[in-house]
Amino acid sequence: MNKKLVISIVVTFVLGMVLGMVVHGMILHGEYAKLSMMRSEQAAQQLMGLMAVAQLAWSIGFCWIYSRGREAARPWLGQGFRYGIAVCLLAVVPMYLIYYVVMPFPSDLVAQQIVFDSICTILLAVIVAWINR
């Protein structure tokens, strides 16, 4: 594992945790509070270690895939943006649409989840591309 890949993983992990907290813990908190199917904040806090494990696994895969597919001769910004869009189409959009089908999430909440998580994913992809330029 090279130095840039390790730095990418660490940065993606930290920023991913922060962005997740901002989007889901602050911006969408009120929407989640309206849903009776969500864990209480206390119960969720007890499981935050699993959230960190999930974010670390995602960060490793996200950065590793980018490092294997990047093209050195192409501009990093475009590669990062395209990679972010691809990950959104592969993971973010399908995940929230599947959740919408199987769980009673309001459609406006799902739309917000898709928009906010797509923005975060594209931002993280551009940062990973910048680190690996």
Protein backbone atom coordinates (compact mmCIF):
# COMPACT_ATOMS: atom_id res chain seq x y z
CA MET A 1 0.00 0.00 0.00
CA ASN A 2 1.56 3.30 -1.03
CA LYS A 3 1.66 6.50 1.01
CA LYS A 4 -0.91 8.39 -1.09
CA LEU A 5 -3.42 5.54 -0.75
CA VAL A 6 -3.04 5.50 3.04
CA ILE A 7 -3.41 9.29 3.22
CA SER A 8 -6.48 9.07 0.96
CA ILE A 9 -8.07 6.45 3.21
CA VAL A 10 -7.44 8.44 6.40
CA VAL A 11 -8.71 11.72 4.90
CA THR A 12 -11.76 10.01 3.39
CA PHE A 13 -12.54 8.29 6.69
CA VAL A 14 -12.31 11.48 8.75
CA LEU A 15 -14.17 13.69 6.26
CA GLY A 16 -16.75 10.97 5.64
CA MET A 17 -17.51 10.74 9.35
CA VAL A 18 -17.75 14.55 9.64
CA LEU A 19 -19.90 14.93 6.52
CA GLY A 20 -22.15 12.08 7.67
CA MET A 21 -22.61 13.77 11.01
CA VAL A 22 -23.42 17.10 9.34
CA VAL A 23 -25.88 15.61 6.82
CA HIS A 24 -27.55 12.90 8.88
CA GLY A 25 -26.94 14.15 12.42
CA MET A 26 -27.74 17.80 11.83
CA ILE A 27 -29.39 18.64 8.50
CA LEU A 28 -31.70 15.60 8.36
CA HIS A 29 -31.97 15.04 12.12
CA GLY A 30 -35.44 16.59 12.32
CA GLU A 31 -36.71 14.44 9.46
CA TYR A 32 -35.36 11.28 11.10
CA ALA A 33 -36.91 12.29 14.44
CA LYS A 34 -40.36 12.21 12.79
CA LEU A 35 -39.94 8.51 11.98
CA SER A 36 -40.97 6.03 14.66
CA MET A 37 -38.83 3.26 13.18
CA MET A 38 -35.47 4.90 13.94
CA ARG A 39 -33.32 4.00 16.96
CA SER A 40 -33.25 6.43 19.82
CA GLU A 41 -30.22 8.71 19.92
CA GLN A 42 -28.94 6.86 22.99
CA ALA A 43 -29.29 3.46 21.28
CA ALA A 44 -27.61 4.78 18.12
CA GLN A 45 -24.71 6.22 20.14
CA GLN A 46 -24.04 2.79 21.61
CA LEU A 47 -23.54 1.46 18.08
CA MET A 48 -21.32 4.27 16.74
CA GLY A 49 -18.33 1.94 16.75
CA LEU A 50 -20.04 0.00 13.97
CA MET A 51 -20.58 3.27 12.11
CA ALA A 52 -16.82 3.88 12.26
CA VAL A 53 -16.11 0.34 11.03
CA ALA A 54 -18.56 0.82 8.14
CA GLN A 55 -17.02 4.19 7.22
CA LEU A 56 -13.51 2.73 7.36
CA ALA A 57 -14.49 -0.19 5.12
CA TRP A 58 -16.15 2.22 2.67
CA SER A 59 -13.10 4.53 2.71
CA ILE A 60 -10.70 1.67 2.01
CA GLY A 61 -12.76 0.39 -0.91
CA PHE A 62 -13.48 3.87 -2.26
CA CYS A 63 -9.81 4.90 -2.28
CA TRP A 64 -8.48 1.54 -3.44
CA ILE A 65 -10.81 1.45 -6.46
CA TYR A 66 -9.85 5.02 -7.41
CA SER A 67 -6.14 4.25 -7.09
CA ARG A 68 -6.45 1.22 -9.39
CA GLY A 69 -8.44 3.02 -12.08
CA ARG A 70 -7.02 6.51 -12.26
CA GLU A 71 -5.29 7.58 -15.45
CA ALA A 72 -2.09 9.54 -14.80
CA ALA A 73 -2.28 11.42 -18.08
CA ARG A 74 -5.83 12.75 -17.45
CA PRO A 75 -6.66 15.85 -15.34
CA TRP A 76 -7.31 14.90 -11.71
CA LEU A 77 -10.36 17.15 -11.25
CA GLY A 78 -12.31 15.56 -14.09
CA GLN A 79 -11.33 12.07 -12.97
CA GLY A 80 -12.44 12.78 -9.41
CA PHE A 81 -15.75 14.24 -10.52
CA ARG A 82 -16.47 11.32 -12.89
CA TYR A 83 -15.50 8.83 -10.22
CA GLY A 84 -17.81 10.51 -7.71
CA ILE A 85 -20.72 10.37 -10.18
CA ALA A 86 -20.00 6.69 -10.88
CA VAL A 87 -19.99 5.82 -7.17
CA CYS A 88 -23.26 7.72 -6.70
CA LEU A 89 -24.87 5.74 -9.51
CA LEU A 90 -23.45 2.48 -8.17
CA ALA A 91 -24.09 2.95 -4.45
CA VAL A 92 -25.83 6.10 -3.22
CA VAL A 93 -28.85 6.28 -5.53
CA PRO A 94 -29.65 2.54 -5.52
CA MET A 95 -29.22 2.25 -1.74
CA TYR A 96 -31.72 4.98 -0.90
CA LEU A 97 -34.17 3.87 -3.58
CA ILE A 98 -34.05 0.32 -2.19
CA TYR A 99 -34.58 1.69 1.33
CA TYR A 100 -37.58 3.62 0.01
CA VAL A 101 -39.07 0.46 -1.49
CA VAL A 102 -38.66 -1.70 1.62
CA MET A 103 -39.08 0.85 4.42
CA PRO A 104 -41.70 3.54 4.90
CA PHE A 105 -39.36 6.50 4.36
CA PRO A 106 -41.05 9.64 3.04
CA SER A 107 -40.12 10.37 -0.57
CA ASP A 108 -38.86 13.88 0.27
CA LEU A 109 -36.47 12.42 2.85
CA VAL A 110 -35.15 9.92 0.30
CA ALA A 111 -34.63 12.71 -2.23
CA GLN A 112 -32.68 14.72 0.36
CA GLN A 113 -30.59 11.68 1.29
CA ILE A 114 -29.72 11.08 -2.35
CA VAL A 115 -28.86 14.73 -3.03
CA PHE A 116 -26.81 15.32 0.13
CA ASP A 117 -24.96 11.99 0.03
CA SER A 118 -24.24 12.44 -3.68
CA ILE A 119 -22.73 15.87 -3.03
CA CYS A 120 -20.60 14.41 -0.22
CA THR A 121 -19.51 11.46 -2.37
CA ILE A 122 -18.49 13.68 -5.28
CA LEU A 123 -16.63 16.00 -2.91
CA LEU A 124 -14.76 13.05 -1.38
CA ALA A 125 -13.94 11.70 -4.85
CA VAL A 126 -12.48 15.05 -5.92
CA ILE A 127 -10.40 15.18 -2.73
CA VAL A 128 -9.11 11.64 -3.32
CA ALA A 129 -8.26 12.59 -6.91
CA TRP A 130 -6.43 15.70 -5.66
CA ILE A 131 -4.39 13.67 -3.15
CA ASN A 132 -3.50 11.14 -5.85
CA ARG A 133 -2.72 13.66 -8.64
